[in-house]
Amino acid sequence: MRLANPDAEGMNSKNRIENEVALASTALSAFEPHVVPSVYGWGSAAGESSQGWILQELMPGTPVDEAFGTMSFPQKKQIFAQMAKLLNTLQAYQLPESITGFGASFKGRLEVALKNADGNPYIQGWRTNGVMGRLDAFVERGIPAQFESLTSKQDKVIVHADFTTNNLLFDAKSGRITALIDYDFACVSHPSYEFLRSFDGAGGQFRGWSGDEASDQTALRDAKLHGFPSPLSQATQDGVEWDVAKAWEDELEKLDTKRPKTIEGIDKVADVDAILRTILPWRITNSDIVRLQQEEVIMQCRNDNEAQLIRILNRLGF
């Protein structure tokens, strides 16, 4: 029995249970082996109580993230091959003709984020230093400009949007993935959205411009767009594991899966996503995290995020 947390951030209570029940189970219904939990009953989170629930199959296996760090390189490649097959199946699913739009637009997400930022006592709508006015201008004029270069902007696929190793179960003996779980964030969106929201810790999310041109993450972004260098860079402590990142890219390429390198304009979309992430930094918007931090730490995080917003807006001409 899964009970929906009504206080979970970033969830749309109107359809979060419905997404879990319908989207992935439909797209992956024919996938072998069986990896989506069967649903035996459910109740929507859109009602007055906001307490959604799902009675579903208990899937076998242990979370991949608990073992991924100690896996050998061949074992990681085996996991990646299965992940790529799952992603390819989601992308290849033929959506019904009745689905003509997207689950949510970046403009809509940004407008909600700005509204939430306005009510945060630390952020106060980013009104200091004129940042709010610049953000409003970006929402109105900048987003359309950023999406101009996205040549496949009409493409729609089912996106898991939390496709990470902690939502994958596997059998440690065989190395076989036994389940892909937790579809709360699942939606119909552009293929690029999966790479902006998923694969953290295994191959790496595709991130927007950070301002640190010398960072490993900037180098990884360039490699995902233009190809990995040969020979590969050496991994540094807490840096990119280049052999692992390239192994993930290789498995996607084998199946001709849509990925950053083949999605022209994804870098511009990622810059919009970078602004979205920076507007509502979780360290000062998550009440549980805020309670654990001292006031000066919270304010430092707030000021760092404001500075990052200003850098991104400067770069984008706003």
C-alpha atoms as a PDB file:
ATOM      1  CA  MET A   1       0.000   0.000   0.000  1.00  0.00           C
ATOM      2  CA  ARG A   2       1.477   3.340  -1.078  1.00  0.00           C
ATOM      3  CA  LEU A   3       0.092   6.474   0.551  1.00  0.00           C
ATOM      4  CA  ALA A   4       0.643   9.760  -1.273  1.00  0.00           C
ATOM      5  CA  ASN A   5       2.366  12.415   0.833  1.00  0.00           C
ATOM      6  CA  PRO A   6       0.107  15.504   0.534  1.00  0.00           C
ATOM      7  CA  ASP A   7       3.031  17.755   1.546  1.00  0.00           C
ATOM      8  CA  ALA A   8       5.461  16.466  -1.093  1.00  0.00           C
ATOM      9  CA  GLU A   9       6.942  19.290  -3.136  1.00  0.00           C
ATOM     10  CA  GLY A  10       6.598  19.524  -6.898  1.00  0.00           C
ATOM     11  CA  MET A  11       3.613  17.166  -7.093  1.00  0.00           C
ATOM     12  CA  ASN A  12       0.381  17.844  -8.947  1.00  0.00           C
ATOM     13  CA  SER A  13      -2.271  16.372  -6.654  1.00  0.00           C
ATOM     14  CA  LYS A  14      -4.858  16.423  -9.443  1.00  0.00           C
ATOM     15  CA  ASN A  15      -3.184  13.625 -11.357  1.00  0.00           C
ATOM     16  CA  ARG A  16      -0.225  12.198  -9.399  1.00  0.00           C
ATOM     17  CA  ILE A  17      -2.001   8.932  -8.568  1.00  0.00           C
ATOM     18  CA  GLU A  18      -3.513   8.698 -12.043  1.00  0.00           C
ATOM     19  CA  ASN A  19      -0.031   9.068 -13.557  1.00  0.00           C
ATOM     20  CA  GLU A  20       1.290   6.232 -11.422  1.00  0.00           C
ATOM     21  CA  VAL A  21      -1.619   4.013 -12.375  1.00  0.00           C
ATOM     22  CA  ALA A  22      -1.811   4.756 -16.088  1.00  0.00           C
ATOM     23  CA  LEU A  23       1.222   6.227 -17.818  1.00  0.00           C
ATOM     24  CA  ALA A  24       4.137   3.882 -17.234  1.00  0.00           C
ATOM     25  CA  SER A  25       2.044   0.729 -16.877  1.00  0.00           C
ATOM     26  CA  THR A  26       0.616   1.459 -20.327  1.00  0.00           C
ATOM     27  CA  ALA A  27       3.901   2.277 -22.039  1.00  0.00           C
ATOM     28  CA  LEU A  28       5.806  -0.595 -20.433  1.00  0.00           C
ATOM     29  CA  SER A  29       3.001  -3.158 -20.371  1.00  0.00           C
ATOM     30  CA  ALA A  30       4.673  -5.326 -23.027  1.00  0.00           C
ATOM     31  CA  PHE A  31       8.198  -4.894 -21.676  1.00  0.00           C
ATOM     32  CA  GLU A  32      10.004  -8.105 -20.805  1.00  0.00           C
ATOM     33  CA  PRO A  33      10.735  -8.849 -18.031  1.00  0.00           C
ATOM     34  CA  HIS A  34       7.751  -7.478 -16.116  1.00  0.00           C
ATOM     35  CA  VAL A  35       9.086  -4.381 -14.304  1.00  0.00           C
ATOM     36  CA  VAL A  36       6.019  -2.212 -13.552  1.00  0.00           C
ATOM     37  CA  PRO A  37       4.036  -3.069 -10.386  1.00  0.00           C
ATOM     38  CA  SER A  38       0.518  -4.307 -11.137  1.00  0.00           C
ATOM     39  CA  VAL A  39      -2.177  -2.090  -9.586  1.00  0.00           C
ATOM     40  CA  TYR A  40      -5.057  -3.712  -7.668  1.00  0.00           C
ATOM     41  CA  GLY A  41      -6.847  -0.581  -6.467  1.00  0.00           C
ATOM     42  CA  TRP A  42      -6.359   3.156  -6.072  1.00  0.00           C
ATOM     43  CA  GLY A  43      -7.847   6.408  -4.828  1.00  0.00           C
ATOM     44  CA  SER A  44      -7.154   9.873  -6.248  1.00  0.00           C
ATOM     45  CA  ALA A  45      -5.208  12.527  -4.349  1.00  0.00           C
ATOM     46  CA  ALA A  46      -7.357  15.225  -5.927  1.00  0.00           C
ATOM     47  CA  GLY A  47     -10.160  14.885  -3.381  1.00  0.00           C
ATOM     48  CA  GLU A  48     -10.782  16.948  -0.264  1.00  0.00           C
ATOM     49  CA  SER A  49      -8.529  14.805   1.929  1.00  0.00           C
ATOM     50  CA  SER A  50      -5.656  14.876  -0.639  1.00  0.00           C
ATOM     51  CA  GLN A  51      -4.739  11.411   0.675  1.00  0.00           C
ATOM     52  CA  GLY A  52      -4.234   9.395  -2.474  1.00  0.00           C
ATOM     53  CA  TRP A  53      -3.391   5.717  -2.305  1.00  0.00           C
ATOM     54  CA  ILE A  54      -2.425   2.755  -4.469  1.00  0.00           C
ATOM     55  CA  LEU A  55      -2.610  -0.933  -3.635  1.00  0.00           C
ATOM     56  CA  GLN A  56      -0.024  -2.484  -5.896  1.00  0.00           C
ATOM     57  CA  GLU A  57       2.243  -5.447  -6.446  1.00  0.00           C
ATOM     58  CA  LEU A  58       5.281  -5.681  -4.182  1.00  0.00           C
ATOM     59  CA  MET A  59       8.190  -5.999  -6.588  1.00  0.00           C
ATOM     60  CA  PRO A  60      11.233  -8.159  -5.817  1.00  0.00           C
ATOM     61  CA  GLY A  61      14.806  -6.910  -5.631  1.00  0.00           C
ATOM     62  CA  THR A  62      16.912  -4.315  -3.862  1.00  0.00           C
ATOM     63  CA  PRO A  63      17.491  -0.666  -4.851  1.00  0.00           C
ATOM     64  CA  VAL A  64      20.249  -0.296  -7.430  1.00  0.00           C
ATOM     65  CA  ASP A  65      21.619   2.827  -5.721  1.00  0.00           C
ATOM     66  CA  GLU A  66      22.553   0.816  -2.610  1.00  0.00           C
ATOM     67  CA  ALA A  67      24.997  -1.270  -4.636  1.00  0.00           C
ATOM     68  CA  PHE A  68      25.880   0.908  -7.617  1.00  0.00           C
ATOM     69  CA  GLY A  69      28.925   2.566  -6.036  1.00  0.00           C
ATOM     70  CA  THR A  70      30.630  -0.767  -5.346  1.00  0.00           C
ATOM     71  CA  MET A  71      29.687  -2.472  -8.612  1.00  0.00           C
ATOM     72  CA  SER A  72      32.396  -3.396 -11.065  1.00  0.00           C
ATOM     73  CA  PHE A  73      32.497  -1.542 -14.367  1.00  0.00           C
ATOM     74  CA  PRO A  74      31.007  -4.530 -16.310  1.00  0.00           C
ATOM     75  CA  GLN A  75      28.178  -4.733 -13.761  1.00  0.00           C
ATOM     76  CA  LYS A  76      27.406  -1.037 -14.231  1.00  0.00           C
ATOM     77  CA  LYS A  77      27.365  -1.516 -17.989  1.00  0.00           C
ATOM     78  CA  GLN A  78      24.888  -4.357 -17.544  1.00  0.00           C
ATOM     79  CA  ILE A  79      22.601  -2.050 -15.555  1.00  0.00           C
ATOM     80  CA  PHE A  80      22.982   0.706 -18.162  1.00  0.00           C
ATOM     81  CA  ALA A  81      22.046  -1.643 -21.004  1.00  0.00           C
ATOM     82  CA  GLN A  82      18.769  -2.460 -19.249  1.00  0.00           C
ATOM     83  CA  MET A  83      18.089   1.189 -18.364  1.00  0.00           C
ATOM     84  CA  ALA A  84      18.619   2.193 -21.988  1.00  0.00           C
ATOM     85  CA  LYS A  85      16.176  -0.476 -23.131  1.00  0.00           C
ATOM     86  CA  LEU A  86      13.558   0.810 -20.675  1.00  0.00           C
ATOM     87  CA  LEU A  87      14.061   4.404 -21.786  1.00  0.00           C
ATOM     88  CA  ASN A  88      13.920   3.417 -25.445  1.00  0.00           C
ATOM     89  CA  THR A  89      10.610   1.642 -24.835  1.00  0.00           C
ATOM     90  CA  LEU A  90       9.131   4.727 -23.148  1.00  0.00           C
ATOM     91  CA  GLN A  91      10.231   6.896 -26.060  1.00  0.00           C
ATOM     92  CA  ALA A  92       8.940   4.475 -28.686  1.00  0.00           C
ATOM     93  CA  TYR A  93       5.453   4.093 -27.209  1.00  0.00           C
ATOM     94  CA  GLN A  94       2.837   5.388 -29.640  1.00  0.00           C
ATOM     95  CA  LEU A  95       0.703   7.899 -27.772  1.00  0.00           C
ATOM     96  CA  PRO A  96      -3.035   7.965 -28.565  1.00  0.00           C
ATOM     97  CA  GLU A  97      -4.042  10.616 -31.092  1.00  0.00           C
ATOM     98  CA  SER A  98      -6.267  12.168 -28.428  1.00  0.00           C
ATOM     99  CA  ILE A  99      -3.147  13.405 -26.603  1.00  0.00           C
ATOM    100  CA  THR A 100      -2.386  16.652 -28.371  1.00  0.00           C
ATOM    101  CA  GLY A 101      -0.551  18.662 -25.720  1.00  0.00           C
ATOM    102  CA  PHE A 102       2.005  18.401 -22.960  1.00  0.00           C
ATOM    103  CA  GLY A 103       1.441  17.670 -19.278  1.00  0.00           C
ATOM    104  CA  ALA A 104       2.861  21.037 -18.248  1.00  0.00           C
ATOM    105  CA  SER A 105       4.837  23.804 -19.920  1.00  0.00           C
ATOM    106  CA  PHE A 106       8.043  25.411 -18.706  1.00  0.00           C
ATOM    107  CA  LYS A 107       6.212  28.714 -18.673  1.00  0.00           C
ATOM    108  CA  GLY A 108       3.581  27.243 -16.381  1.00  0.00           C
ATOM    109  CA  ARG A 109       6.199  25.697 -14.101  1.00  0.00           C
ATOM    110  CA  LEU A 110       8.087  28.977 -13.867  1.00  0.00           C
ATOM    111  CA  GLU A 111       4.928  30.922 -13.061  1.00  0.00           C
ATOM    112  CA  VAL A 112       4.122  28.481 -10.235  1.00  0.00           C
ATOM    113  CA  ALA A 113       7.725  28.654  -8.982  1.00  0.00           C
ATOM    114  CA  LEU A 114       7.625  32.463  -8.906  1.00  0.00           C
ATOM    115  CA  LYS A 115       4.334  32.402  -7.005  1.00  0.00           C
ATOM    116  CA  ASN A 116       5.816  30.017  -4.430  1.00  0.00           C
ATOM    117  CA  ALA A 117       8.980  32.115  -4.191  1.00  0.00           C
ATOM    118  CA  ASP A 118       6.826  35.151  -3.457  1.00  0.00           C
ATOM    119  CA  GLY A 119       5.455  33.447  -0.354  1.00  0.00           C
ATOM    120  CA  ASN A 120       8.824  32.246   0.948  1.00  0.00           C
ATOM    121  CA  PRO A 121      10.044  34.436   3.861  1.00  0.00           C
ATOM    122  CA  TYR A 122      13.682  34.163   2.801  1.00  0.00           C
ATOM    123  CA  ILE A 123      13.282  34.598  -0.952  1.00  0.00           C
ATOM    124  CA  GLN A 124      10.453  37.175  -0.835  1.00  0.00           C
ATOM    125  CA  GLY A 125       9.844  36.779  -4.528  1.00  0.00           C
ATOM    126  CA  TRP A 126      13.429  37.755  -5.460  1.00  0.00           C
ATOM    127  CA  ARG A 127      12.272  41.367  -5.294  1.00  0.00           C
ATOM    128  CA  THR A 128      15.588  42.744  -4.056  1.00  0.00           C
ATOM    129  CA  ASN A 129      17.998  44.014  -6.702  1.00  0.00           C
ATOM    130  CA  GLY A 130      15.257  44.008  -9.340  1.00  0.00           C
ATOM    131  CA  VAL A 131      15.531  40.259  -9.984  1.00  0.00           C
ATOM    132  CA  MET A 132      11.772  39.644  -9.992  1.00  0.00           C
ATOM    133  CA  GLY A 133      11.178  42.097 -12.851  1.00  0.00           C
ATOM    134  CA  ARG A 134      13.909  40.438 -14.889  1.00  0.00           C
ATOM    135  CA  LEU A 135      12.420  36.998 -14.220  1.00  0.00           C
ATOM    136  CA  ASP A 136       8.962  38.183 -15.301  1.00  0.00           C
ATOM    137  CA  ALA A 137      10.461  39.507 -18.547  1.00  0.00           C
ATOM    138  CA  PHE A 138      12.238  36.187 -19.112  1.00  0.00           C
ATOM    139  CA  VAL A 139       9.002  34.216 -18.635  1.00  0.00           C
ATOM    140  CA  GLU A 140       7.210  36.382 -21.189  1.00  0.00           C
ATOM    141  CA  ARG A 141       9.896  36.878 -23.847  1.00  0.00           C
ATOM    142  CA  GLY A 142      12.853  34.678 -23.010  1.00  0.00           C
ATOM    143  CA  ILE A 143      11.205  31.274 -22.959  1.00  0.00           C
ATOM    144  CA  PRO A 144       9.882  31.476 -26.547  1.00  0.00           C
ATOM    145  CA  ALA A 145      13.346  32.593 -27.708  1.00  0.00           C
ATOM    146  CA  GLN A 146      15.063  29.719 -25.881  1.00  0.00           C
ATOM    147  CA  PHE A 147      12.779  27.173 -27.520  1.00  0.00           C
ATOM    148  CA  GLU A 148      13.328  28.512 -31.051  1.00  0.00           C
ATOM    149  CA  SER A 149      16.321  26.233 -31.587  1.00  0.00           C
ATOM    150  CA  LEU A 150      14.511  23.110 -30.325  1.00  0.00           C
ATOM    151  CA  THR A 151      13.821  21.632 -33.737  1.00  0.00           C
ATOM    152  CA  SER A 152      11.714  18.753 -32.375  1.00  0.00           C
ATOM    153  CA  LYS A 153       9.544  20.886 -30.068  1.00  0.00           C
ATOM    154  CA  GLN A 154       6.359  19.034 -31.065  1.00  0.00           C
ATOM    155  CA  ASP A 155       7.709  15.600 -30.076  1.00  0.00           C
ATOM    156  CA  LYS A 156       5.878  14.027 -27.143  1.00  0.00           C
ATOM    157  CA  VAL A 157       6.759  10.919 -25.122  1.00  0.00           C
ATOM    158  CA  ILE A 158       5.937   9.432 -21.746  1.00  0.00           C
ATOM    159  CA  VAL A 159       8.550  10.671 -19.289  1.00  0.00           C
ATOM    160  CA  HIS A 160       9.235   9.007 -15.932  1.00  0.00           C
ATOM    161  CA  ALA A 161      10.975  12.193 -14.670  1.00  0.00           C
ATOM    162  CA  ASP A 162      12.575  10.428 -11.690  1.00  0.00           C
ATOM    163  CA  PHE A 163      14.399   7.647 -13.532  1.00  0.00           C
ATOM    164  CA  THR A 164      17.256   7.183 -11.065  1.00  0.00           C
ATOM    165  CA  THR A 165      19.038   4.241  -9.479  1.00  0.00           C
ATOM    166  CA  ASN A 166      17.032   4.583  -6.253  1.00  0.00           C
ATOM    167  CA  ASN A 167      13.853   3.932  -8.262  1.00  0.00           C
ATOM    168  CA  LEU A 168      15.281   0.807  -9.869  1.00  0.00           C
ATOM    169  CA  LEU A 169      15.258  -2.579  -8.160  1.00  0.00           C
ATOM    170  CA  PHE A 170      17.522  -5.417  -9.240  1.00  0.00           C
ATOM    171  CA  ASP A 171      18.479  -8.980  -8.440  1.00  0.00           C
ATOM    172  CA  ALA A 172      22.034  -8.858  -7.094  1.00  0.00           C
ATOM    173  CA  LYS A 173      22.797 -12.414  -8.174  1.00  0.00           C
ATOM    174  CA  SER A 174      21.829 -12.105 -11.835  1.00  0.00           C
ATOM    175  CA  GLY A 175      22.241  -8.341 -12.224  1.00  0.00           C
ATOM    176  CA  ARG A 176      18.755  -8.202 -13.782  1.00  0.00           C
ATOM    177  CA  ILE A 177      16.574  -5.135 -13.198  1.00  0.00           C
ATOM    178  CA  THR A 178      13.371  -6.340 -11.547  1.00  0.00           C
ATOM    179  CA  ALA A 179      11.385  -3.104 -11.287  1.00  0.00           C
ATOM    180  CA  LEU A 180      11.151   0.556 -12.272  1.00  0.00           C
ATOM    181  CA  ILE A 181       9.000   2.189  -9.598  1.00  0.00           C
ATOM    182  CA  ASP A 182       7.629   5.547  -8.353  1.00  0.00           C
ATOM    183  CA  TYR A 183       5.856   7.315 -11.215  1.00  0.00           C
ATOM    184  CA  ASP A 184       4.590  10.312  -9.205  1.00  0.00           C
ATOM    185  CA  PHE A 185       6.344  12.772 -11.550  1.00  0.00           C
ATOM    186  CA  ALA A 186       5.487  10.873 -14.757  1.00  0.00           C
ATOM    187  CA  CYS A 187       3.988  12.993 -17.520  1.00  0.00           C
ATOM    188  CA  VAL A 188       3.676  13.461 -21.253  1.00  0.00           C
ATOM    189  CA  SER A 189       6.460  15.836 -22.246  1.00  0.00           C
ATOM    190  CA  HIS A 190       9.271  16.453 -24.699  1.00  0.00           C
ATOM    191  CA  PRO A 191      12.036  13.763 -24.727  1.00  0.00           C
ATOM    192  CA  SER A 192      14.534  16.319 -23.402  1.00  0.00           C
ATOM    193  CA  TYR A 193      12.674  16.559 -20.082  1.00  0.00           C
ATOM    194  CA  GLU A 194      13.753  13.040 -19.039  1.00  0.00           C
ATOM    195  CA  PHE A 195      17.410  14.021 -19.306  1.00  0.00           C
ATOM    196  CA  LEU A 196      16.860  17.210 -17.294  1.00  0.00           C
ATOM    197  CA  ARG A 197      15.185  15.341 -14.430  1.00  0.00           C
ATOM    198  CA  SER A 198      16.520  11.790 -14.449  1.00  0.00           C
ATOM    199  CA  PHE A 199      19.744   9.736 -14.367  1.00  0.00           C
ATOM    200  CA  ASP A 200      21.361  11.569 -11.453  1.00  0.00           C
ATOM    201  CA  GLY A 201      24.113   9.324 -10.095  1.00  0.00           C
ATOM    202  CA  ALA A 202      24.136   7.069 -13.135  1.00  0.00           C
ATOM    203  CA  GLY A 203      25.326   8.732 -16.306  1.00  0.00           C
ATOM    204  CA  GLY A 204      24.437  12.179 -15.009  1.00  0.00           C
ATOM    205  CA  GLN A 205      21.572  14.600 -15.533  1.00  0.00           C
ATOM    206  CA  PHE A 206      21.928  17.097 -18.358  1.00  0.00           C
ATOM    207  CA  ARG A 207      22.273  20.468 -16.651  1.00  0.00           C
ATOM    208  CA  GLY A 208      22.013  24.036 -17.846  1.00  0.00           C
ATOM    209  CA  TRP A 209      24.736  26.676 -17.862  1.00  0.00           C
ATOM    210  CA  SER A 210      26.391  27.057 -14.468  1.00  0.00           C
ATOM    211  CA  GLY A 211      28.871  29.889 -15.007  1.00  0.00           C
ATOM    212  CA  ASP A 212      31.853  27.735 -14.077  1.00  0.00           C
ATOM    213  CA  GLU A 213      33.408  26.999 -17.451  1.00  0.00           C
ATOM    214  CA  ALA A 214      36.249  24.997 -15.882  1.00  0.00           C
ATOM    215  CA  SER A 215      34.007  22.611 -13.920  1.00  0.00           C
ATOM    216  CA  ASP A 216      33.659  18.901 -14.562  1.00  0.00           C
ATOM    217  CA  GLN A 217      29.909  19.364 -14.982  1.00  0.00           C
ATOM    218  CA  THR A 218      30.437  21.881 -17.793  1.00  0.00           C
ATOM    219  CA  ALA A 219      32.828  19.460 -19.475  1.00  0.00           C
ATOM    220  CA  LEU A 220      30.280  16.650 -19.103  1.00  0.00           C
ATOM    221  CA  ARG A 221      27.564  18.851 -20.618  1.00  0.00           C
ATOM    222  CA  ASP A 222      29.814  19.522 -23.631  1.00  0.00           C
ATOM    223  CA  ALA A 223      30.645  15.824 -23.965  1.00  0.00           C
ATOM    224  CA  LYS A 224      26.972  14.842 -23.971  1.00  0.00           C
ATOM    225  CA  LEU A 225      26.317  17.432 -26.687  1.00  0.00           C
ATOM    226  CA  HIS A 226      29.354  16.982 -28.913  1.00  0.00           C
ATOM    227  CA  GLY A 227      30.918  13.624 -28.023  1.00  0.00           C
ATOM    228  CA  PHE A 228      33.285  12.352 -25.362  1.00  0.00           C
ATOM    229  CA  PRO A 229      37.002  13.089 -25.664  1.00  0.00           C
ATOM    230  CA  SER A 230      39.511  10.369 -26.450  1.00  0.00           C
ATOM    231  CA  PRO A 231      41.290   9.544 -24.294  1.00  0.00           C
ATOM    232  CA  LEU A 232      38.807  10.209 -21.521  1.00  0.00           C
ATOM    233  CA  SER A 233      39.662  12.691 -18.799  1.00  0.00           C
ATOM    234  CA  GLN A 234      40.809  11.289 -15.486  1.00  0.00           C
ATOM    235  CA  ALA A 235      38.228  11.229 -12.706  1.00  0.00           C
ATOM    236  CA  THR A 236      38.944  13.458  -9.725  1.00  0.00           C
ATOM    237  CA  GLN A 237      37.654  13.080  -6.196  1.00  0.00           C
ATOM    238  CA  ASP A 238      33.919  13.897  -6.182  1.00  0.00           C
ATOM    239  CA  GLY A 239      34.193  14.648  -9.915  1.00  0.00           C
ATOM    240  CA  VAL A 240      32.735  13.016 -13.021  1.00  0.00           C
ATOM    241  CA  GLU A 241      33.378   9.294 -13.471  1.00  0.00           C
ATOM    242  CA  TRP A 242      34.127   9.653 -17.157  1.00  0.00           C
ATOM    243  CA  ASP A 243      34.225   5.957 -18.012  1.00  0.00           C
ATOM    244  CA  VAL A 244      30.821   5.451 -16.370  1.00  0.00           C
ATOM    245  CA  ALA A 245      29.283   8.508 -18.058  1.00  0.00           C
ATOM    246  CA  LYS A 246      30.523   7.370 -21.468  1.00  0.00           C
ATOM    247  CA  ALA A 247      29.287   3.813 -20.852  1.00  0.00           C
ATOM    248  CA  TRP A 248      25.775   5.206 -20.357  1.00  0.00           C
ATOM    249  CA  GLU A 249      26.078   7.245 -23.549  1.00  0.00           C
ATOM    250  CA  ASP A 250      27.292   4.175 -25.459  1.00  0.00           C
ATOM    251  CA  GLU A 251      24.273   2.111 -24.383  1.00  0.00           C
ATOM    252  CA  LEU A 252      21.882   4.866 -25.491  1.00  0.00           C
ATOM    253  CA  GLU A 253      23.662   5.101 -28.842  1.00  0.00           C
ATOM    254  CA  LYS A 254      23.413   1.348 -29.433  1.00  0.00           C
ATOM    255  CA  LEU A 255      19.622   1.581 -29.378  1.00  0.00           C
ATOM    256  CA  ASP A 256      19.524   4.915 -31.227  1.00  0.00           C
ATOM    257  CA  THR A 257      17.734   6.375 -28.209  1.00  0.00           C
ATOM    258  CA  LYS A 258      16.982  10.086 -28.247  1.00  0.00           C
ATOM    259  CA  ARG A 259      19.593  11.764 -26.048  1.00  0.00           C
ATOM    260  CA  PRO A 260      21.177  15.214 -25.656  1.00  0.00           C
ATOM    261  CA  LYS A 261      23.515  14.687 -28.612  1.00  0.00           C
ATOM    262  CA  THR A 262      20.554  14.024 -30.920  1.00  0.00           C
ATOM    263  CA  ILE A 263      18.123  16.598 -29.480  1.00  0.00           C
ATOM    264  CA  GLU A 264      19.092  19.870 -31.158  1.00  0.00           C
ATOM    265  CA  GLY A 265      18.405  22.813 -28.853  1.00  0.00           C
ATOM    266  CA  ILE A 266      18.359  20.864 -25.583  1.00  0.00           C
ATOM    267  CA  ASP A 267      21.104  23.131 -24.223  1.00  0.00           C
ATOM    268  CA  LYS A 268      18.754  26.124 -24.493  1.00  0.00           C
ATOM    269  CA  VAL A 269      15.968  24.197 -22.763  1.00  0.00           C
ATOM    270  CA  ALA A 270      18.414  23.200 -20.010  1.00  0.00           C
ATOM    271  CA  ASP A 271      19.198  26.872 -19.387  1.00  0.00           C
ATOM    272  CA  VAL A 272      15.485  27.480 -18.770  1.00  0.00           C
ATOM    273  CA  ASP A 273      15.500  24.520 -16.393  1.00  0.00           C
ATOM    274  CA  ALA A 274      18.526  25.988 -14.597  1.00  0.00           C
ATOM    275  CA  ILE A 275      16.519  29.137 -13.873  1.00  0.00           C
ATOM    276  CA  LEU A 276      13.583  27.031 -12.674  1.00  0.00           C
ATOM    277  CA  ARG A 277      15.813  25.119 -10.247  1.00  0.00           C
ATOM    278  CA  THR A 278      17.452  28.292  -8.942  1.00  0.00           C
ATOM    279  CA  ILE A 279      14.173  30.131  -8.272  1.00  0.00           C
ATOM    280  CA  LEU A 280      13.193  27.568  -5.628  1.00  0.00           C
ATOM    281  CA  PRO A 281      16.391  26.132  -4.068  1.00  0.00           C
ATOM    282  CA  TRP A 282      15.374  23.171  -1.952  1.00  0.00           C
ATOM    283  CA  ARG A 283      17.656  24.127   0.946  1.00  0.00           C
ATOM    284  CA  ILE A 284      15.525  27.184   1.659  1.00  0.00           C
ATOM    285  CA  THR A 285      12.131  25.952   0.484  1.00  0.00           C
ATOM    286  CA  ASN A 286      11.953  22.501   2.082  1.00  0.00           C
ATOM    287  CA  SER A 287      10.612  23.024   5.597  1.00  0.00           C
ATOM    288  CA  ASP A 288      12.309  19.900   6.955  1.00  0.00           C
ATOM    289  CA  ILE A 289      15.709  21.045   5.681  1.00  0.00           C
ATOM    290  CA  VAL A 290      15.203  24.640   6.834  1.00  0.00           C
ATOM    291  CA  ARG A 291      14.567  23.494  10.411  1.00  0.00           C
ATOM    292  CA  LEU A 292      17.958  21.779  10.485  1.00  0.00           C
ATOM    293  CA  GLN A 293      19.982  24.824   9.386  1.00  0.00           C
ATOM    294  CA  GLN A 294      21.208  27.946  11.103  1.00  0.00           C
ATOM    295  CA  GLU A 295      19.913  31.309   9.921  1.00  0.00           C
ATOM    296  CA  GLU A 296      23.245  32.414   8.459  1.00  0.00           C
ATOM    297  CA  VAL A 297      23.522  29.208   6.418  1.00  0.00           C
ATOM    298  CA  ILE A 298      20.044  29.725   4.994  1.00  0.00           C
ATOM    299  CA  MET A 299      20.789  33.342   4.073  1.00  0.00           C
ATOM    300  CA  GLN A 300      24.091  32.398   2.452  1.00  0.00           C
ATOM    301  CA  CYS A 301      22.263  29.838   0.309  1.00  0.00           C
ATOM    302  CA  ARG A 302      19.654  32.434  -0.573  1.00  0.00           C
ATOM    303  CA  ASN A 303      22.294  34.994  -1.587  1.00  0.00           C
ATOM    304  CA  ASP A 304      24.259  32.415  -3.603  1.00  0.00           C
ATOM    305  CA  ASN A 305      21.121  31.514  -5.554  1.00  0.00           C
ATOM    306  CA  GLU A 306      20.294  35.146  -6.211  1.00  0.00           C
ATOM    307  CA  ALA A 307      23.804  35.673  -7.576  1.00  0.00           C
ATOM    308  CA  GLN A 308      23.396  32.603  -9.805  1.00  0.00           C
ATOM    309  CA  LEU A 309      20.042  33.868 -11.095  1.00  0.00           C
ATOM    310  CA  ILE A 310      21.634  37.203 -11.972  1.00  0.00           C
ATOM    311  CA  ARG A 311      24.501  35.482 -13.819  1.00  0.00           C
ATOM    312  CA  ILE A 312      22.111  33.335 -15.876  1.00  0.00           C
ATOM    313  CA  LEU A 313      19.811  36.261 -16.672  1.00  0.00           C
ATOM    314  CA  ASN A 314      22.810  38.379 -17.699  1.00  0.00           C
ATOM    315  CA  ARG A 315      23.966  35.608 -20.023  1.00  0.00           C
ATOM    316  CA  LEU A 316      20.498  35.312 -21.586  1.00  0.00           C
ATOM    317  CA  GLY A 317      20.151  39.058 -22.038  1.00  0.00           C
ATOM    318  CA  PHE A 318      17.554  39.817 -19.348  1.00  0.00           C
END
